[in-house]
Structures are given as C-alpha cells and as structure tokens.
Amino acid sequence: MKAVLLATIAALCCVPALAQETFDGFGTVEPYDDGTGSLPQGDPAPFPSQGELVQPEPVRPPERVKNPVAVFSGIDKITGRIRTFDVYIDETVQFGALQVTPRVCYTSGETDAPRTDAFVEVDEITLDRAIRRIFNGWMFADSPGLNAVEHPVYDIWLKDCKSSSDVPPPASASNAGG
C-alpha cells in the first residue's frame, strides 16, 4: 500500500505538465506557465512580501444627523386613542400622567440605511403629585417594542426625528424674562 502511494506521489512530482497546471474552477485545466515566465492574464496579484504591510480600506462610520424635534406616538389604554406628538429636544411634554423629555434625536444620513434613535427621559406624575422617573434610555423607531415605555395606562414610543415642526418652538430663557 505504501509502495503504491509513494509511486503516485513520485509520479506527480516528476511530471512537469501536471505540476504546472491550475484549475480555473469551471472544470477546465489550463497551464500556469505560458513560457514567458509571467503570470497569466486574470490571475490575482501575488501576495505581498513578508515585510510589506497591506493597509485595509478605512471604515467610514455611519453618518448621524442630529435633529431638534422628536416625534412620538402614545396610546391611552383606557380610551384606546393613539396620539402622535412632536417634542423639541430638552423640552418636556405631558402625555396623560407622563412627562416626556427627549435629550437627543438622531437619524441616519441619506447614504446609510434608515435609522432613528433618541435618548429619552420619561417621568410619571403620581397621585400624590410626586414625580417618579420610569424610563431613562434609548428608543429606536425601527424597533418600537424594544425600548418603548410601557405603563399601566399609557404606552409611548419613538416614531421619527425631524428638523422642524408645525408646533412653535418653546420660548427661550432670554425671551421669558423680558
């Protein structure tokens, strides 16, 4: 058995035509050397030498657009009404017994896959008028069930971020005093 295996290996090593042929992946065998000593057309470039480093293409981070308005939807589970409302960043809007304050709202750039996320704080006004934080984190418009606010009476989720709103912007602190 060993003799047959050794004879096969010796025959393959000693036959120059077999040692110089390459398989092109389509069922045909082509000679590797055309007699000129150069690589055939269509073959990839040879590997870099051991001392040469190949730099990979830099990875471009996804573009994030910061928006001044977050769009939420909320449901009142008692009445069954769903309401959509705009909230400016760092402003608080009350929805039932909940106060919603978005801190930042991002959308993806035009060249990236659509993504919308916001960092939101939601407080509940209890029956004794105390304010209790019930949510503090990221909401994702493409996965509303992932981090939506689920309250016994109200649910709130992020729908979108946008650059402007039909709702007038809140008065700034400099206009309030004057």
C-alpha atoms as a PDB file:
ATOM      1  CA  MET A   1       0.000   0.000   0.000  1.00  0.00           C
ATOM      2  CA  LYS A   2       2.836   2.352   0.931  1.00  0.00           C
ATOM      3  CA  ALA A   3       4.640   1.495  -2.282  1.00  0.00           C
ATOM      4  CA  VAL A   4       1.605   2.471  -4.400  1.00  0.00           C
ATOM      5  CA  LEU A   5       1.214   5.768  -2.522  1.00  0.00           C
ATOM      6  CA  LEU A   6       4.922   6.593  -2.853  1.00  0.00           C
ATOM      7  CA  ALA A   7       4.864   5.742  -6.559  1.00  0.00           C
ATOM      8  CA  THR A   8       1.851   8.019  -7.108  1.00  0.00           C
ATOM      9  CA  ILE A   9       3.496  10.912  -5.271  1.00  0.00           C
ATOM     10  CA  ALA A  10       6.755  10.432  -7.167  1.00  0.00           C
ATOM     11  CA  ALA A  11       4.910  10.340 -10.494  1.00  0.00           C
ATOM     12  CA  LEU A  12       3.035  13.548  -9.738  1.00  0.00           C
ATOM     13  CA  CYS A  13       6.158  15.375  -8.608  1.00  0.00           C
ATOM     14  CA  CYS A  14       8.216  14.284 -11.561  1.00  0.00           C
ATOM     15  CA  VAL A  15       5.705  15.061 -14.312  1.00  0.00           C
ATOM     16  CA  PRO A  16       6.262  18.734 -15.143  1.00  0.00           C
ATOM     17  CA  ALA A  17       2.972  19.177 -17.022  1.00  0.00           C
ATOM     18  CA  LEU A  18       0.883  18.128 -14.036  1.00  0.00           C
ATOM     19  CA  ALA A  19       2.839  20.266 -11.584  1.00  0.00           C
ATOM     20  CA  GLN A  20       2.364  23.414 -13.691  1.00  0.00           C
ATOM     21  CA  GLU A  21      -1.342  23.171 -14.397  1.00  0.00           C
ATOM     22  CA  THR A  22      -4.009  25.097 -12.491  1.00  0.00           C
ATOM     23  CA  PHE A  23      -7.695  24.503 -12.108  1.00  0.00           C
ATOM     24  CA  ASP A  24      -9.810  27.520 -13.055  1.00  0.00           C
ATOM     25  CA  GLY A  25     -12.927  26.437 -11.127  1.00  0.00           C
ATOM     26  CA  PHE A  26     -15.037  25.785 -14.225  1.00  0.00           C
ATOM     27  CA  GLY A  27     -13.985  22.231 -14.985  1.00  0.00           C
ATOM     28  CA  THR A  28     -11.038  23.025 -17.260  1.00  0.00           C
ATOM     29  CA  VAL A  29      -7.352  22.815 -16.536  1.00  0.00           C
ATOM     30  CA  GLU A  30      -5.075  25.471 -18.002  1.00  0.00           C
ATOM     31  CA  PRO A  31      -1.273  25.588 -17.986  1.00  0.00           C
ATOM     32  CA  TYR A  32       0.114  28.005 -15.404  1.00  0.00           C
ATOM     33  CA  ASP A  33       3.243  28.938 -17.319  1.00  0.00           C
ATOM     34  CA  ASP A  34       2.889  30.218 -20.872  1.00  0.00           C
ATOM     35  CA  GLY A  35       6.652  30.164 -21.430  1.00  0.00           C
ATOM     36  CA  THR A  36       7.215  33.868 -20.812  1.00  0.00           C
ATOM     37  CA  GLY A  37       7.718  33.481 -17.069  1.00  0.00           C
ATOM     38  CA  SER A  38       4.898  35.898 -16.253  1.00  0.00           C
ATOM     39  CA  LEU A  39       1.557  35.247 -14.621  1.00  0.00           C
ATOM     40  CA  PRO A  40      -1.367  34.582 -16.951  1.00  0.00           C
ATOM     41  CA  GLN A  41      -3.943  37.326 -17.509  1.00  0.00           C
ATOM     42  CA  GLY A  42      -6.780  37.441 -14.985  1.00  0.00           C
ATOM     43  CA  ASP A  43      -4.852  35.911 -12.070  1.00  0.00           C
ATOM     44  CA  PRO A  44      -4.751  37.954  -8.900  1.00  0.00           C
ATOM     45  CA  ALA A  45      -1.589  39.810  -7.955  1.00  0.00           C
ATOM     46  CA  PRO A  46       0.885  37.814  -5.896  1.00  0.00           C
ATOM     47  CA  PHE A  47       0.803  38.101  -2.110  1.00  0.00           C
ATOM     48  CA  PRO A  48       2.828  40.970  -0.608  1.00  0.00           C
ATOM     49  CA  SER A  49       6.246  40.138   0.721  1.00  0.00           C
ATOM     50  CA  GLN A  50       6.634  39.373   4.389  1.00  0.00           C
ATOM     51  CA  GLY A  51       7.908  42.865   5.286  1.00  0.00           C
ATOM     52  CA  GLU A  52       5.254  44.712   3.255  1.00  0.00           C
ATOM     53  CA  LEU A  53       2.045  45.686   5.077  1.00  0.00           C
ATOM     54  CA  VAL A  54      -1.257  45.974   3.298  1.00  0.00           C
ATOM     55  CA  GLN A  55      -3.453  48.755   4.673  1.00  0.00           C
ATOM     56  CA  PRO A  56      -7.177  47.925   4.685  1.00  0.00           C
ATOM     57  CA  GLU A  57      -9.677  50.434   3.370  1.00  0.00           C
ATOM     58  CA  PRO A  58     -10.701  52.780   6.184  1.00  0.00           C
ATOM     59  CA  VAL A  59     -14.147  52.039   7.562  1.00  0.00           C
ATOM     60  CA  ARG A  60     -16.409  55.060   7.364  1.00  0.00           C
ATOM     61  CA  PRO A  61     -18.549  55.454  10.465  1.00  0.00           C
ATOM     62  CA  PRO A  62     -22.225  55.876   9.688  1.00  0.00           C
ATOM     63  CA  GLU A  63     -23.309  59.478   9.380  1.00  0.00           C
ATOM     64  CA  ARG A  64     -25.650  60.610  12.152  1.00  0.00           C
ATOM     65  CA  VAL A  65     -27.803  63.699  11.773  1.00  0.00           C
ATOM     66  CA  LYS A  66     -28.793  65.468  14.983  1.00  0.00           C
ATOM     67  CA  ASN A  67     -32.389  66.723  14.837  1.00  0.00           C
ATOM     68  CA  PRO A  68     -34.131  69.346  17.009  1.00  0.00           C
ATOM     69  CA  VAL A  69     -37.521  67.587  17.107  1.00  0.00           C
ATOM     70  CA  ALA A  70     -38.501  64.068  18.190  1.00  0.00           C
ATOM     71  CA  VAL A  71     -41.835  62.579  17.102  1.00  0.00           C
ATOM     72  CA  PHE A  72     -43.578  60.203  19.499  1.00  0.00           C
ATOM     73  CA  SER A  73     -46.768  58.211  19.487  1.00  0.00           C
ATOM     74  CA  GLY A  74     -48.673  57.371  22.612  1.00  0.00           C
ATOM     75  CA  ILE A  75     -51.711  55.296  23.413  1.00  0.00           C
ATOM     76  CA  ASP A  76     -54.168  55.846  26.219  1.00  0.00           C
ATOM     77  CA  LYS A  77     -55.191  52.274  27.002  1.00  0.00           C
ATOM     78  CA  ILE A  78     -58.409  53.345  28.716  1.00  0.00           C
ATOM     79  CA  THR A  79     -59.838  55.330  25.790  1.00  0.00           C
ATOM     80  CA  GLY A  80     -57.947  53.444  23.077  1.00  0.00           C
ATOM     81  CA  ARG A  81     -56.819  56.708  21.470  1.00  0.00           C
ATOM     82  CA  ILE A  82     -53.435  56.920  19.794  1.00  0.00           C
ATOM     83  CA  ARG A  83     -51.902  60.351  19.539  1.00  0.00           C
ATOM     84  CA  THR A  84     -48.767  61.491  17.695  1.00  0.00           C
ATOM     85  CA  PHE A  85     -46.930  64.493  19.108  1.00  0.00           C
ATOM     86  CA  ASP A  86     -43.737  66.481  18.475  1.00  0.00           C
ATOM     87  CA  VAL A  87     -41.320  67.355  21.262  1.00  0.00           C
ATOM     88  CA  TYR A  88     -38.341  69.691  20.931  1.00  0.00           C
ATOM     89  CA  ILE A  89     -35.034  68.444  22.336  1.00  0.00           C
ATOM     90  CA  ASP A  90     -34.590  69.231  26.077  1.00  0.00           C
ATOM     91  CA  GLU A  91     -38.246  70.289  26.372  1.00  0.00           C
ATOM     92  CA  THR A  92     -40.911  68.389  28.296  1.00  0.00           C
ATOM     93  CA  VAL A  93     -44.368  67.499  27.005  1.00  0.00           C
ATOM     94  CA  GLN A  94     -47.041  65.892  29.135  1.00  0.00           C
ATOM     95  CA  PHE A  95     -48.969  62.916  27.798  1.00  0.00           C
ATOM     96  CA  GLY A  96     -51.582  61.902  30.348  1.00  0.00           C
ATOM     97  CA  ALA A  97     -49.735  61.361  33.614  1.00  0.00           C
ATOM     98  CA  LEU A  98     -46.375  61.028  31.848  1.00  0.00           C
ATOM     99  CA  GLN A  99     -43.812  63.728  31.096  1.00  0.00           C
ATOM    100  CA  VAL A 100     -41.634  63.031  28.038  1.00  0.00           C
ATOM    101  CA  THR A 101     -38.248  64.764  27.596  1.00  0.00           C
ATOM    102  CA  PRO A 102     -36.024  63.842  24.642  1.00  0.00           C
ATOM    103  CA  ARG A 103     -32.355  64.714  25.176  1.00  0.00           C
ATOM    104  CA  VAL A 104     -31.048  63.925  21.679  1.00  0.00           C
ATOM    105  CA  CYS A 105     -32.587  62.571  18.472  1.00  0.00           C
ATOM    106  CA  TYR A 106     -30.522  61.099  15.634  1.00  0.00           C
ATOM    107  CA  THR A 107     -31.371  59.939  12.133  1.00  0.00           C
ATOM    108  CA  SER A 108     -29.024  58.235   9.703  1.00  0.00           C
ATOM    109  CA  GLY A 109     -27.529  60.074   6.742  1.00  0.00           C
ATOM    110  CA  GLU A 110     -29.003  59.906   3.264  1.00  0.00           C
ATOM    111  CA  THR A 111     -26.489  57.302   2.094  1.00  0.00           C
ATOM    112  CA  ASP A 112     -26.982  54.937   5.056  1.00  0.00           C
ATOM    113  CA  ALA A 113     -29.801  52.573   5.926  1.00  0.00           C
ATOM    114  CA  PRO A 114     -32.638  54.476   7.634  1.00  0.00           C
ATOM    115  CA  ARG A 115     -32.250  54.507  11.416  1.00  0.00           C
ATOM    116  CA  THR A 116     -33.786  56.766  14.008  1.00  0.00           C
ATOM    117  CA  ASP A 117     -32.972  56.740  17.701  1.00  0.00           C
ATOM    118  CA  ALA A 118     -33.378  59.102  20.640  1.00  0.00           C
ATOM    119  CA  PHE A 119     -32.286  59.305  24.244  1.00  0.00           C
ATOM    120  CA  VAL A 120     -35.433  59.939  26.273  1.00  0.00           C
ATOM    121  CA  GLU A 121     -36.415  60.503  29.889  1.00  0.00           C
ATOM    122  CA  VAL A 122     -39.982  59.745  30.958  1.00  0.00           C
ATOM    123  CA  ASP A 123     -41.374  60.717  34.350  1.00  0.00           C
ATOM    124  CA  GLU A 124     -44.693  59.737  35.900  1.00  0.00           C
ATOM    125  CA  ILE A 125     -46.725  62.158  37.977  1.00  0.00           C
ATOM    126  CA  THR A 126     -48.138  60.038  40.768  1.00  0.00           C
ATOM    127  CA  LEU A 127     -51.480  60.589  42.535  1.00  0.00           C
ATOM    128  CA  ASP A 128     -49.727  62.396  45.395  1.00  0.00           C
ATOM    129  CA  ARG A 129     -48.134  64.740  42.764  1.00  0.00           C
ATOM    130  CA  ALA A 130     -44.659  63.305  43.166  1.00  0.00           C
ATOM    131  CA  ILE A 131     -42.548  62.904  40.034  1.00  0.00           C
ATOM    132  CA  ARG A 132     -41.022  59.469  39.564  1.00  0.00           C
ATOM    133  CA  ARG A 133     -38.637  58.518  36.733  1.00  0.00           C
ATOM    134  CA  ILE A 134     -39.968  55.423  34.961  1.00  0.00           C
ATOM    135  CA  PHE A 135     -37.748  55.412  31.863  1.00  0.00           C
ATOM    136  CA  ASN A 136     -34.285  56.728  31.052  1.00  0.00           C
ATOM    137  CA  GLY A 137     -32.656  55.357  27.902  1.00  0.00           C
ATOM    138  CA  TRP A 138     -32.541  54.942  24.141  1.00  0.00           C
ATOM    139  CA  MET A 139     -35.612  54.410  21.988  1.00  0.00           C
ATOM    140  CA  PHE A 140     -35.384  53.080  18.435  1.00  0.00           C
ATOM    141  CA  ALA A 141     -38.025  53.947  15.843  1.00  0.00           C
ATOM    142  CA  ASP A 142     -37.357  50.812  13.774  1.00  0.00           C
ATOM    143  CA  SER A 143     -37.923  48.608  16.866  1.00  0.00           C
ATOM    144  CA  PRO A 144     -40.681  50.331  18.847  1.00  0.00           C
ATOM    145  CA  GLY A 145     -41.251  47.358  21.124  1.00  0.00           C
ATOM    146  CA  LEU A 146     -37.598  47.147  22.125  1.00  0.00           C
ATOM    147  CA  ASN A 147     -37.479  50.145  24.471  1.00  0.00           C
ATOM    148  CA  ALA A 148     -40.951  51.631  24.465  1.00  0.00           C
ATOM    149  CA  VAL A 149     -42.413  52.995  27.686  1.00  0.00           C
ATOM    150  CA  GLU A 150     -44.998  50.508  28.927  1.00  0.00           C
ATOM    151  CA  HIS A 151     -47.129  51.993  31.673  1.00  0.00           C
ATOM    152  CA  PRO A 152     -50.370  50.528  33.114  1.00  0.00           C
ATOM    153  CA  VAL A 153     -52.396  53.282  31.393  1.00  0.00           C
ATOM    154  CA  TYR A 154     -50.075  54.771  28.723  1.00  0.00           C
ATOM    155  CA  ASP A 155     -47.554  53.450  26.221  1.00  0.00           C
ATOM    156  CA  ILE A 156     -45.134  55.781  24.411  1.00  0.00           C
ATOM    157  CA  TRP A 157     -42.742  55.006  21.567  1.00  0.00           C
ATOM    158  CA  LEU A 158     -40.460  56.930  19.192  1.00  0.00           C
ATOM    159  CA  LYS A 159     -41.687  57.343  15.621  1.00  0.00           C
ATOM    160  CA  ASP A 160     -39.227  59.732  13.989  1.00  0.00           C
ATOM    161  CA  CYS A 161     -36.870  62.675  14.308  1.00  0.00           C
ATOM    162  CA  LYS A 162     -37.186  65.742  12.158  1.00  0.00           C
ATOM    163  CA  SER A 163     -35.627  69.119  11.557  1.00  0.00           C
ATOM    164  CA  SER A 164     -38.758  71.233  12.006  1.00  0.00           C
ATOM    165  CA  SER A 165     -42.266  71.032  13.409  1.00  0.00           C
ATOM    166  CA  ASP A 166     -45.673  72.654  12.952  1.00  0.00           C
ATOM    167  CA  VAL A 167     -45.609  73.176  16.718  1.00  0.00           C
ATOM    168  CA  PRO A 168     -43.933  76.505  17.524  1.00  0.00           C
ATOM    169  CA  PRO A 169     -40.584  76.159  19.319  1.00  0.00           C
ATOM    170  CA  PRO A 170     -40.593  76.852  23.047  1.00  0.00           C
ATOM    171  CA  ALA A 171     -39.767  80.356  24.214  1.00  0.00           C
ATOM    172  CA  SER A 172     -36.092  80.665  25.096  1.00  0.00           C
ATOM    173  CA  ALA A 173     -34.990  81.694  28.578  1.00  0.00           C
ATOM    174  CA  SER A 174     -33.905  85.111  27.293  1.00  0.00           C
ATOM    175  CA  ASN A 175     -37.411  85.876  25.969  1.00  0.00           C
ATOM    176  CA  ALA A 176     -39.152  84.680  29.124  1.00  0.00           C
ATOM    177  CA  GLY A 177     -37.765  87.449  31.325  1.00  0.00           C
ATOM    178  CA  GLY A 178     -38.494  90.338  29.059  1.00  0.00           C
END
